PDB file of N, CA and C in Angstrom:
ATOM      1  N   UNK A   1      -9.695  -4.084   5.574  1.00  0.00           N
ATOM      2  CA  UNK A   1      -9.263  -4.274   6.939  1.00  0.00           C
ATOM      3  C   UNK A   1      -8.615  -2.974   7.409  1.00  0.00           C
ATOM      4  N   UNK A   2      -8.998  -2.552   8.592  1.00  0.00           N
ATOM      5  CA  UNK A   2      -8.454  -1.317   9.151  1.00  0.00           C
ATOM      6  C   UNK A   2      -7.363  -1.628  10.170  1.00  0.00           C
ATOM      7  N   UNK A   3      -6.693  -0.562  10.640  1.00  0.00           N
ATOM      8  CA  UNK A   3      -5.664  -0.750  11.656  1.00  0.00           C
ATOM      9  C   UNK A   3      -6.273  -1.351  12.923  1.00  0.00           C
ATOM     10  N   UNK A   4      -7.489  -0.922  13.274  1.00  0.00           N
ATOM     11  CA  UNK A   4      -8.171  -1.474  14.453  1.00  0.00           C
ATOM     12  C   UNK A   4      -8.437  -2.963  14.273  1.00  0.00           C
ATOM     13  N   UNK A   5      -8.825  -3.373  13.061  1.00  0.00           N
ATOM     14  CA  UNK A   5      -9.046  -4.797  12.774  1.00  0.00           C
ATOM     15  C   UNK A   5      -7.756  -5.590  12.936  1.00  0.00           C
ATOM     16  N   UNK A   6      -6.658  -5.029  12.462  1.00  0.00           N
ATOM     17  CA  UNK A   6      -5.358  -5.693  12.578  1.00  0.00           C
ATOM     18  C   UNK A   6      -4.987  -5.852  14.042  1.00  0.00           C
ATOM     19  N   UNK A   7      -5.161  -4.793  14.823  1.00  0.00           N
ATOM     20  CA  UNK A   7      -4.844  -4.839  16.255  1.00  0.00           C
ATOM     21  C   UNK A   7      -5.698  -5.902  16.942  1.00  0.00           C
ATOM     22  N   UNK A   8      -6.997  -5.921  16.647  1.00  0.00           N
ATOM     23  CA  UNK A   8      -7.894  -6.917  17.251  1.00  0.00           C
ATOM     24  C   UNK A   8      -7.469  -8.337  16.912  1.00  0.00           C
ATOM     25  N   UNK A   9      -7.163  -8.583  15.644  1.00  0.00           N
ATOM     26  CA  UNK A   9      -6.793  -9.933  15.217  1.00  0.00           C
ATOM     27  C   UNK A   9      -5.484 -10.388  15.854  1.00  0.00           C
ATOM     28  N   UNK A  10      -4.489  -9.518  15.875  1.00  0.00           N
ATOM     29  CA  UNK A  10      -3.207  -9.875  16.495  1.00  0.00           C
ATOM     30  C   UNK A  10      -3.399 -10.123  17.989  1.00  0.00           C
ATOM     31  N   UNK A  11      -4.208  -9.282  18.632  1.00  0.00           N
ATOM     32  CA  UNK A  11      -4.465  -9.431  20.058  1.00  0.00           C
ATOM     33  C   UNK A  11      -5.130 -10.768  20.360  1.00  0.00           C
ATOM     34  N   UNK A  12      -6.096 -11.152  19.539  1.00  0.00           N
ATOM     35  CA  UNK A  12      -6.785 -12.437  19.727  1.00  0.00           C
ATOM     36  C   UNK A  12      -5.849 -13.620  19.501  1.00  0.00           C
ATOM     37  N   UNK A  13      -5.038 -13.549  18.449  1.00  0.00           N
ATOM     38  CA  UNK A  13      -4.158 -14.678  18.112  1.00  0.00           C
ATOM     39  C   UNK A  13      -2.992 -14.833  19.078  1.00  0.00           C
ATOM     40  N   UNK A  14      -2.508 -13.726  19.627  1.00  0.00           N
ATOM     41  CA  UNK A  14      -1.330 -13.792  20.503  1.00  0.00           C
ATOM     42  C   UNK A  14      -1.683 -13.695  21.986  1.00  0.00           C
ATOM     43  N   UNK A  15      -2.941 -13.378  22.268  1.00  0.00           N
ATOM     44  CA  UNK A  15      -3.408 -13.186  23.646  1.00  0.00           C
ATOM     45  C   UNK A  15      -2.616 -12.093  24.377  1.00  0.00           C
ATOM     46  N   UNK A  16      -2.242 -11.066  23.623  1.00  0.00           N
ATOM     47  CA  UNK A  16      -1.555  -9.894  24.170  1.00  0.00           C
ATOM     48  C   UNK A  16      -2.588  -8.771  24.232  1.00  0.00           C
ATOM     49  N   UNK A  17      -2.488  -7.923  25.254  1.00  0.00           N
ATOM     50  CA  UNK A  17      -3.442  -6.827  25.422  1.00  0.00           C
ATOM     51  C   UNK A  17      -3.476  -5.928  24.184  1.00  0.00           C
ATOM     52  N   UNK A  18      -4.668  -5.441  23.878  1.00  0.00           N
ATOM     53  CA  UNK A  18      -4.832  -4.582  22.700  1.00  0.00           C
ATOM     54  C   UNK A  18      -3.965  -3.332  22.781  1.00  0.00           C
ATOM     55  N   UNK A  19      -3.813  -2.771  23.965  1.00  0.00           N
ATOM     56  CA  UNK A  19      -3.015  -1.550  24.089  1.00  0.00           C
ATOM     57  C   UNK A  19      -1.548  -1.796  23.735  1.00  0.00           C
ATOM     58  N   UNK A  20      -1.040  -2.974  24.089  1.00  0.00           N
ATOM     59  CA  UNK A  20       0.343  -3.326  23.763  1.00  0.00           C
ATOM     60  C   UNK A  20       0.486  -3.545  22.259  1.00  0.00           C
ATOM     61  N   UNK A  21      -0.489  -4.255  21.679  1.00  0.00           N
ATOM     62  CA  UNK A  21      -0.476  -4.508  20.232  1.00  0.00           C
ATOM     63  C   UNK A  21      -0.603  -3.190  19.483  1.00  0.00           C
ATOM     64  N   UNK A  22      -1.488  -2.312  19.951  1.00  0.00           N
ATOM     65  CA  UNK A  22      -1.673  -1.002  19.320  1.00  0.00           C
ATOM     66  C   UNK A  22      -0.354  -0.222  19.303  1.00  0.00           C
ATOM     67  N   UNK A  23       0.343  -0.210  20.427  1.00  0.00           N
ATOM     68  CA  UNK A  23       1.623   0.506  20.516  1.00  0.00           C
ATOM     69  C   UNK A  23       2.658  -0.118  19.590  1.00  0.00           C
ATOM     70  N   UNK A  24       2.647  -1.440  19.490  1.00  0.00           N
ATOM     71  CA  UNK A  24       3.597  -2.143  18.617  1.00  0.00           C
ATOM     72  C   UNK A  24       3.331  -1.821  17.147  1.00  0.00           C
ATOM     73  N   UNK A  25       2.071  -1.865  16.752  1.00  0.00           N
ATOM     74  CA  UNK A  25       1.700  -1.570  15.359  1.00  0.00           C
ATOM     75  C   UNK A  25       2.053  -0.119  15.028  1.00  0.00           C
ATOM     76  N   UNK A  26       1.763   0.795  15.944  1.00  0.00           N
ATOM     77  CA  UNK A  26       2.108   2.207  15.728  1.00  0.00           C
ATOM     78  C   UNK A  26       3.616   2.389  15.581  1.00  0.00           C
ATOM     79  N   UNK A  27       4.394   1.715  16.429  1.00  0.00           N
ATOM     80  CA  UNK A  27       5.856   1.818  16.362  1.00  0.00           C
ATOM     81  C   UNK A  27       6.379   1.243  15.048  1.00  0.00           C
ATOM     82  N   UNK A  28       5.789   0.131  14.604  1.00  0.00           N
ATOM     83  CA  UNK A  28       6.167  -0.495  13.333  1.00  0.00           C
ATOM     84  C   UNK A  28       5.941   0.489  12.179  1.00  0.00           C
ATOM     85  N   UNK A  29       4.748   1.083  12.139  1.00  0.00           N
ATOM     86  CA  UNK A  29       4.423   2.007  11.053  1.00  0.00           C
ATOM     87  C   UNK A  29       5.304   3.258  11.119  1.00  0.00           C
ATOM     88  N   UNK A  30       5.583   3.752  12.319  1.00  0.00           N
ATOM     89  CA  UNK A  30       6.429   4.930  12.477  1.00  0.00           C
ATOM     90  C   UNK A  30       7.853   4.647  11.998  1.00  0.00           C
ATOM     91  N   UNK A  31       8.349   3.450  12.292  1.00  0.00           N
ATOM     92  CA  UNK A  31       9.696   3.066  11.852  1.00  0.00           C
ATOM     93  C   UNK A  31       9.782   3.024  10.338  1.00  0.00           C
ATOM     94  N   UNK A  32       8.769   2.460   9.703  1.00  0.00           N
ATOM     95  CA  UNK A  32       8.744   2.411   8.230  1.00  0.00           C
ATOM     96  C   UNK A  32       8.668   3.822   7.670  1.00  0.00           C
ATOM     97  N   UNK A  33       7.765   4.641   8.219  1.00  0.00           N
ATOM     98  CA  UNK A  33       7.632   6.033   7.759  1.00  0.00           C
ATOM     99  C   UNK A  33       8.943   6.792   7.895  1.00  0.00           C
ATOM    100  N   UNK A  34       9.587   6.687   9.054  1.00  0.00           N
ATOM    101  CA  UNK A  34      10.841   7.409   9.274  1.00  0.00           C
ATOM    102  C   UNK A  34      11.948   6.938   8.336  1.00  0.00           C
ATOM    103  N   UNK A  35      12.031   5.637   8.108  1.00  0.00           N
ATOM    104  CA  UNK A  35      13.051   5.113   7.193  1.00  0.00           C
ATOM    105  C   UNK A  35      12.828   5.636   5.782  1.00  0.00           C
ATOM    106  N   UNK A  36      11.577   5.630   5.345  1.00  0.00           N
ATOM    107  CA  UNK A  36      11.283   6.066   3.983  1.00  0.00           C
ATOM    108  C   UNK A  36      11.467   7.572   3.819  1.00  0.00           C
ATOM    109  N   UNK A  37      11.137   8.360   4.844  1.00  0.00           N
ATOM    110  CA  UNK A  37      11.352   9.801   4.729  1.00  0.00           C
ATOM    111  C   UNK A  37      12.832  10.147   4.752  1.00  0.00           C
ATOM    112  N   UNK A  38      13.668   9.222   5.252  1.00  0.00           N
ATOM    113  CA  UNK A  38      15.123   9.381   5.186  1.00  0.00           C
ATOM    114  C   UNK A  38      15.686   8.855   3.866  1.00  0.00           C
ATOM    115  N   UNK A  39      14.807   8.380   2.968  1.00  0.00           N
ATOM    116  CA  UNK A  39      15.236   7.881   1.663  1.00  0.00           C
ATOM    117  C   UNK A  39      15.678   6.428   1.661  1.00  0.00           C
ATOM    118  N   UNK A  40      15.382   5.697   2.741  1.00  0.00           N
ATOM    119  CA  UNK A  40      15.793   4.287   2.832  1.00  0.00           C
ATOM    120  C   UNK A  40      14.611   3.372   2.520  1.00  0.00           C
ATOM    121  N   UNK A  41      14.892   2.290   1.799  1.00  0.00           N
ATOM    122  CA  UNK A  41      13.885   1.271   1.537  1.00  0.00           C
ATOM    123  C   UNK A  41      13.794   0.328   2.731  1.00  0.00           C
ATOM    124  N   UNK A  42      12.628  -0.306   2.901  1.00  0.00           N
ATOM    125  CA  UNK A  42      12.410  -1.249   4.001  1.00  0.00           C
ATOM    126  C   UNK A  42      12.110  -2.613   3.386  1.00  0.00           C
ATOM    127  N   UNK A  43      12.927  -3.608   3.708  1.00  0.00           N
ATOM    128  CA  UNK A  43      12.803  -4.944   3.145  1.00  0.00           C
ATOM    129  C   UNK A  43      12.257  -5.904   4.196  1.00  0.00           C
ATOM    130  N   UNK A  44      11.123  -6.543   3.903  1.00  0.00           N
ATOM    131  CA  UNK A  44      10.535  -7.543   4.793  1.00  0.00           C
ATOM    132  C   UNK A  44      10.446  -8.855   4.021  1.00  0.00           C
ATOM    133  N   UNK A  45      11.397  -9.740   4.263  1.00  0.00           N
ATOM    134  CA  UNK A  45      11.489 -11.002   3.526  1.00  0.00           C
ATOM    135  C   UNK A  45      10.175 -11.781   3.630  1.00  0.00           C
ATOM    136  N   UNK A  46       9.676 -12.230   2.490  1.00  0.00           N
ATOM    137  CA  UNK A  46       8.446 -13.003   2.437  1.00  0.00           C
ATOM    138  C   UNK A  46       7.193 -12.153   2.382  1.00  0.00           C
ATOM    139  N   UNK A  47       7.324 -10.854   2.618  1.00  0.00           N
ATOM    140  CA  UNK A  47       6.171  -9.945   2.582  1.00  0.00           C
ATOM    141  C   UNK A  47       6.293  -8.952   1.431  1.00  0.00           C
ATOM    142  N   UNK A  48       7.387  -8.189   1.423  1.00  0.00           N
ATOM    143  CA  UNK A  48       7.588  -7.229   0.347  1.00  0.00           C
ATOM    144  C   UNK A  48       8.546  -6.137   0.744  1.00  0.00           C
ATOM    145  N   UNK A  49       8.641  -5.141  -0.117  1.00  0.00           N
ATOM    146  CA  UNK A  49       9.562  -4.038   0.083  1.00  0.00           C
ATOM    147  C   UNK A  49       8.821  -2.719  -0.033  1.00  0.00           C
ATOM    148  N   UNK A  50       9.020  -1.863   0.957  1.00  0.00           N
ATOM    149  CA  UNK A  50       8.526  -0.497   0.885  1.00  0.00           C
ATOM    150  C   UNK A  50       9.652   0.308   0.265  1.00  0.00           C
ATOM    151  N   UNK A  51       9.414   0.866  -0.917  1.00  0.00           N
ATOM    152  CA  UNK A  51      10.472   1.561  -1.655  1.00  0.00           C
ATOM    153  C   UNK A  51      10.122   3.026  -1.849  1.00  0.00           C
ATOM    154  N   UNK A  52      11.172   3.828  -1.985  1.00  0.00           N
ATOM    155  CA  UNK A  52      11.030   5.240  -2.314  1.00  0.00           C
ATOM    156  C   UNK A  52      11.309   5.356  -3.808  1.00  0.00           C
ATOM    157  N   UNK A  53      10.280   5.764  -4.572  1.00  0.00           N
ATOM    158  CA  UNK A  53      10.417   5.873  -6.026  1.00  0.00           C
ATOM    159  C   UNK A  53      10.509   7.339  -6.440  1.00  0.00           C
ATOM    160  N   UNK A  54      11.332   7.584  -7.456  1.00  0.00           N
ATOM    161  CA  UNK A  54      11.449   8.939  -7.994  1.00  0.00           C
ATOM    162  C   UNK A  54      10.530   9.079  -9.196  1.00  0.00           C
ATOM    163  N   UNK A  55       9.732  10.130  -9.177  1.00  0.00           N
ATOM    164  CA  UNK A  55       8.888  10.467 -10.321  1.00  0.00           C
ATOM    165  C   UNK A  55       9.579  11.584 -11.078  1.00  0.00           C
ATOM    166  N   UNK A  56       9.703  11.425 -12.377  1.00  0.00           N
ATOM    167  CA  UNK A  56      10.379  12.423 -13.208  1.00  0.00           C
ATOM    168  C   UNK A  56       9.515  13.673 -13.356  1.00  0.00           C
ATOM    169  N   UNK A  57      10.157  14.769 -13.682  1.00  0.00           N
ATOM    170  CA  UNK A  57       9.431  16.004 -13.970  1.00  0.00           C
ATOM    171  C   UNK A  57       8.540  15.786 -15.180  1.00  0.00           C
ATOM    172  N   UNK A  58       7.348  16.368 -15.156  1.00  0.00           N
ATOM    173  CA  UNK A  58       6.460  16.220 -16.309  1.00  0.00           C
ATOM    174  C   UNK A  58       5.585  17.456 -16.455  1.00  0.00           C
ATOM    175  N   UNK A  59       4.934  17.539 -17.589  1.00  0.00           N
ATOM    176  CA  UNK A  59       4.043  18.651 -17.888  1.00  0.00           C
ATOM    177  C   UNK A  59       2.616  18.191 -17.608  1.00  0.00           C
ATOM    178  N   UNK A  60       1.898  18.990 -16.816  1.00  0.00           N
ATOM    179  CA  UNK A  60       0.495  18.714 -16.538  1.00  0.00           C
ATOM    180  C   UNK A  60      -0.354  19.833 -17.101  1.00  0.00           C
ATOM    181  N   UNK A  61      -1.668  19.659 -17.024  1.00  0.00           N
ATOM    182  CA  UNK A  61      -2.573  20.683 -17.540  1.00  0.00           C
ATOM    183  C   UNK A  61      -3.563  21.102 -16.467  1.00  0.00           C
ATOM    184  N   UNK A  62      -3.764  22.407 -16.357  1.00  0.00           N
ATOM    185  CA  UNK A  62      -4.829  22.947 -15.532  1.00  0.00           C
ATOM    186  C   UNK A  62      -6.008  23.164 -16.473  1.00  0.00           C
ATOM    187  N   UNK A  63      -6.965  22.272 -16.431  1.00  0.00           N
ATOM    188  CA  UNK A  63      -8.060  22.293 -17.401  1.00  0.00           C
ATOM    189  C   UNK A  63      -8.930  23.537 -17.239  1.00  0.00           C
ATOM    190  N   UNK A  64      -9.178  23.955 -16.003  1.00  0.00           N
ATOM    191  CA  UNK A  64     -10.061  25.098 -15.791  1.00  0.00           C
ATOM    192  C   UNK A  64      -9.479  26.403 -16.355  1.00  0.00           C
ATOM    193  N   UNK A  65      -8.164  26.554 -16.325  1.00  0.00           N
ATOM    194  CA  UNK A  65      -7.517  27.767 -16.853  1.00  0.00           C
ATOM    195  C   UNK A  65      -6.904  27.537 -18.222  1.00  0.00           C
ATOM    196  N   UNK A  66      -6.937  26.290 -18.701  1.00  0.00           N
ATOM    197  CA  UNK A  66      -6.380  25.921 -19.995  1.00  0.00           C
ATOM    198  C   UNK A  66      -4.908  26.330 -20.096  1.00  0.00           C
ATOM    199  N   UNK A  67      -4.138  25.994 -19.059  1.00  0.00           N
ATOM    200  CA  UNK A  67      -2.711  26.311 -19.054  1.00  0.00           C
ATOM    201  C   UNK A  67      -1.922  25.043 -18.747  1.00  0.00           C
ATOM    202  N   UNK A  68      -0.641  25.083 -19.087  1.00  0.00           N
ATOM    203  CA  UNK A  68       0.227  23.960 -18.741  1.00  0.00           C
ATOM    204  C   UNK A  68       0.978  24.289 -17.462  1.00  0.00           C
ATOM    205  N   UNK A  69       1.256  23.239 -16.703  1.00  0.00           N
ATOM    206  CA  UNK A  69       1.941  23.388 -15.426  1.00  0.00           C
ATOM    207  C   UNK A  69       3.078  22.384 -15.387  1.00  0.00           C
ATOM    208  N   UNK A  70       4.237  22.821 -14.921  1.00  0.00           N
ATOM    209  CA  UNK A  70       5.369  21.907 -14.771  1.00  0.00           C
ATOM    210  C   UNK A  70       5.257  21.258 -13.394  1.00  0.00           C
ATOM    211  N   UNK A  71       5.157  19.945 -13.385  1.00  0.00           N
ATOM    212  CA  UNK A  71       5.132  19.197 -12.129  1.00  0.00           C
ATOM    213  C   UNK A  71       6.566  18.754 -11.884  1.00  0.00           C
ATOM    214  N   UNK A  72       7.197  19.268 -10.824  1.00  0.00           N
ATOM    215  CA  UNK A  72       8.613  18.959 -10.602  1.00  0.00           C
ATOM    216  C   UNK A  72       8.839  17.489 -10.233  1.00  0.00           C
ATOM    217  N   UNK A  73      10.058  17.038 -10.416  1.00  0.00           N
ATOM    218  CA  UNK A  73      10.423  15.679 -10.009  1.00  0.00           C
ATOM    219  C   UNK A  73      10.224  15.559  -8.505  1.00  0.00           C
ATOM    220  N   UNK A  74       9.738  14.391  -8.068  1.00  0.00           N
ATOM    221  CA  UNK A  74       9.508  14.193  -6.641  1.00  0.00           C
ATOM    222  C   UNK A  74       9.579  12.705  -6.306  1.00  0.00           C
ATOM    223  N   UNK A  75       9.632  12.419  -5.032  1.00  0.00           N
ATOM    224  CA  UNK A  75       9.702  11.040  -4.558  1.00  0.00           C
ATOM    225  C   UNK A  75       8.373  10.645  -3.929  1.00  0.00           C
ATOM    226  N   UNK A  76       7.991   9.368  -4.133  1.00  0.00           N
ATOM    227  CA  UNK A  76       6.755   8.851  -3.546  1.00  0.00           C
ATOM    228  C   UNK A  76       7.022   7.495  -2.897  1.00  0.00           C
ATOM    229  N   UNK A  77       6.257   7.154  -1.864  1.00  0.00           N
ATOM    230  CA  UNK A  77       6.393   5.811  -1.282  1.00  0.00           C
ATOM    231  C   UNK A  77       5.619   4.806  -2.132  1.00  0.00           C
ATOM    232  N   UNK A  78       6.141   3.599  -2.220  1.00  0.00           N
ATOM    233  CA  UNK A  78       5.478   2.535  -2.975  1.00  0.00           C
ATOM    234  C   UNK A  78       5.734   1.202  -2.274  1.00  0.00           C
ATOM    235  N   UNK A  79       4.925   0.224  -2.601  1.00  0.00           N
ATOM    236  CA  UNK A  79       5.088  -1.111  -2.024  1.00  0.00           C
ATOM    237  C   UNK A  79       5.216  -2.116  -3.149  1.00  0.00           C
ATOM    238  N   UNK A  80       6.212  -2.979  -3.047  1.00  0.00           N
ATOM    239  CA  UNK A  80       6.403  -4.050  -4.023  1.00  0.00           C
ATOM    240  C   UNK A  80       6.303  -5.364  -3.258  1.00  0.00           C
ATOM    241  N   UNK A  81       5.251  -6.153  -3.513  1.00  0.00           N
ATOM    242  CA  UNK A  81       5.092  -7.402  -2.754  1.00  0.00           C
ATOM    243  C   UNK A  81       6.154  -8.426  -3.128  1.00  0.00           C
ATOM    244  N   UNK A  82       6.465  -9.310  -2.167  1.00  0.00           N
ATOM    245  CA  UNK A  82       7.388 -10.418  -2.436  1.00  0.00           C
ATOM    246  C   UNK A  82       6.733 -11.354  -3.445  1.00  0.00           C
ATOM    247  N   UNK A  83       7.554 -12.044  -4.206  1.00  0.00           N
ATOM    248  CA  UNK A  83       7.056 -12.926  -5.258  1.00  0.00           C
ATOM    249  C   UNK A  83       6.078 -13.967  -4.709  1.00  0.00           C
ATOM    250  N   UNK A  84       6.431 -14.604  -3.584  1.00  0.00           N
ATOM    251  CA  UNK A  84       5.561 -15.638  -3.012  1.00  0.00           C
ATOM    252  C   UNK A  84       4.242 -15.032  -2.535  1.00  0.00           C
ATOM    253  N   UNK A  85       4.294 -13.840  -1.981  1.00  0.00           N
ATOM    254  CA  UNK A  85       3.090 -13.158  -1.513  1.00  0.00           C
ATOM    255  C   UNK A  85       2.176 -12.825  -2.695  1.00  0.00           C
ATOM    256  N   UNK A  86       2.738 -12.263  -3.760  1.00  0.00           N
ATOM    257  CA  UNK A  86       1.958 -11.903  -4.946  1.00  0.00           C
ATOM    258  C   UNK A  86       1.326 -13.144  -5.578  1.00  0.00           C
ATOM    259  N   UNK A  87       2.078 -14.238  -5.638  1.00  0.00           N
ATOM    260  CA  UNK A  87       1.544 -15.471  -6.226  1.00  0.00           C
ATOM    261  C   UNK A  87       0.399 -16.033  -5.393  1.00  0.00           C
ATOM    262  N   UNK A  88       0.517 -15.952  -4.078  1.00  0.00           N
ATOM    263  CA  UNK A  88      -0.535 -16.445  -3.188  1.00  0.00           C
ATOM    264  C   UNK A  88      -1.818 -15.640  -3.381  1.00  0.00           C
ATOM    265  N   UNK A  89      -1.693 -14.321  -3.536  1.00  0.00           N
ATOM    266  CA  UNK A  89      -2.864 -13.475  -3.778  1.00  0.00           C
ATOM    267  C   UNK A  89      -3.502 -13.844  -5.119  1.00  0.00           C
ATOM    268  N   UNK A  90      -2.675 -14.047  -6.143  1.00  0.00           N
ATOM    269  CA  UNK A  90      -3.199 -14.412  -7.459  1.00  0.00           C
ATOM    270  C   UNK A  90      -3.978 -15.722  -7.415  1.00  0.00           C
ATOM    271  N   UNK A  91      -3.454 -16.691  -6.645  1.00  0.00           N
ATOM    272  CA  UNK A  91      -4.124 -17.995  -6.550  1.00  0.00           C
ATOM    273  C   UNK A  91      -5.429 -17.923  -5.763  1.00  0.00           C
ATOM    274  N   UNK A  92      -5.461 -17.127  -4.707  1.00  0.00           N
ATOM    275  CA  UNK A  92      -6.582 -17.175  -3.772  1.00  0.00           C
ATOM    276  C   UNK A  92      -7.677 -16.148  -4.005  1.00  0.00           C
ATOM    277  N   UNK A  93      -7.369 -15.029  -4.631  1.00  0.00           N
ATOM    278  CA  UNK A  93      -8.380 -14.003  -4.859  1.00  0.00           C
ATOM    279  C   UNK A  93      -8.941 -14.189  -6.257  1.00  0.00           C
ATOM    280  N   UNK A  94     -10.231 -14.429  -6.308  1.00  0.00           N
ATOM    281  CA  UNK A  94     -10.893 -14.683  -7.589  1.00  0.00           C
ATOM    282  C   UNK A  94     -11.395 -13.382  -8.194  1.00  0.00           C
ATOM    283  N   UNK A  95     -11.287 -13.295  -9.512  1.00  0.00           N
ATOM    284  CA  UNK A  95     -11.779 -12.149 -10.246  1.00  0.00           C
ATOM    285  C   UNK A  95     -13.272 -12.337 -10.437  1.00  0.00           C
ATOM    286  N   UNK A  96     -14.035 -11.286 -10.181  1.00  0.00           N
ATOM    287  CA  UNK A  96     -15.484 -11.367 -10.334  1.00  0.00           C
ATOM    288  C   UNK A  96     -15.828 -11.577 -11.809  1.00  0.00           C
ATOM    289  N   UNK A  97     -16.799 -12.432 -12.036  1.00  0.00           N
ATOM    290  CA  UNK A  97     -17.265 -12.687 -13.405  1.00  0.00           C
ATOM    291  C   UNK A  97     -18.005 -11.457 -13.916  1.00  0.00           C
ATOM    292  N   UNK A  98     -17.788 -11.082 -15.179  1.00  0.00           N
ATOM    293  CA  UNK A  98     -18.529  -9.936 -15.714  1.00  0.00           C
ATOM    294  C   UNK A  98     -20.008 -10.293 -15.837  1.00  0.00           C
ATOM    295  N   UNK A  99     -20.855  -9.292 -15.602  1.00  0.00           N
ATOM    296  CA  UNK A  99     -22.293  -9.528 -15.710  1.00  0.00           C
ATOM    297  C   UNK A  99     -22.663  -9.679 -17.177  1.00  0.00           C
ATOM    298  N   UNK A 100     -23.503 -10.669 -17.453  1.00  0.00           N
ATOM    299  CA  UNK A 100     -23.963 -10.868 -18.821  1.00  0.00           C
ATOM    300  C   UNK A 100     -25.266 -10.141 -19.014  1.00  0.00           C
ATOM    301  N   UNK A 101     -25.383  -9.446 -20.130  1.00  0.00           N
ATOM    302  CA  UNK A 101     -26.603  -8.706 -20.422  1.00  0.00           C
ATOM    303  C   UNK A 101     -27.625  -9.664 -21.008  1.00  0.00           C
ATOM    304  N   UNK A 102     -28.864  -9.490 -20.590  1.00  0.00           N
ATOM    305  CA  UNK A 102     -29.939 -10.303 -21.163  1.00  0.00           C
ATOM    306  C   UNK A 102     -30.263  -9.784 -22.544  1.00  0.00           C
ATOM    307  N   UNK A 103     -30.268 -10.689 -23.513  1.00  0.00           N
ATOM    308  CA  UNK A 103     -30.605 -10.297 -24.871  1.00  0.00           C
ATOM    309  C   UNK A 103     -32.066 -10.618 -25.096  1.00  0.00           C
ATOM    310  N   UNK A 104     -32.854  -9.582 -25.302  1.00  0.00           N
ATOM    311  CA  UNK A 104     -34.283  -9.762 -25.574  1.00  0.00           C
ATOM    312  C   UNK A 104     -34.529  -9.422 -27.022  1.00  0.00           C
ATOM    313  N   UNK A 105     -34.671 -10.429 -27.837  1.00  0.00           N
ATOM    314  CA  UNK A 105     -34.908 -10.206 -29.275  1.00  0.00           C
ATOM    315  C   UNK A 105     -36.327 -10.513 -29.619  1.00  0.00           C
TER     316      UNK A 105
END
């Protein structure tokens, strides 16, 4: 689902103009982005938490030059779903069955 799909669906369900919904969705995303770039987590009860996680410094490898590189500690955005949300996804989304190979003996 894309942002355009989300805007269309909200517009249909609420009967609000797409341009208004588009502006609202953009403002929502901008607010989350700004909060996280300020180092603040965003808590949405029943949905989940957008958190700022710290990654520790580590050693990486540049394979083409066969050298080691120090990757400095840094922060990344992450999402942790609410327990009820995660459980609902587990119940409703089915795992695809693995394909069975035909045995020709």
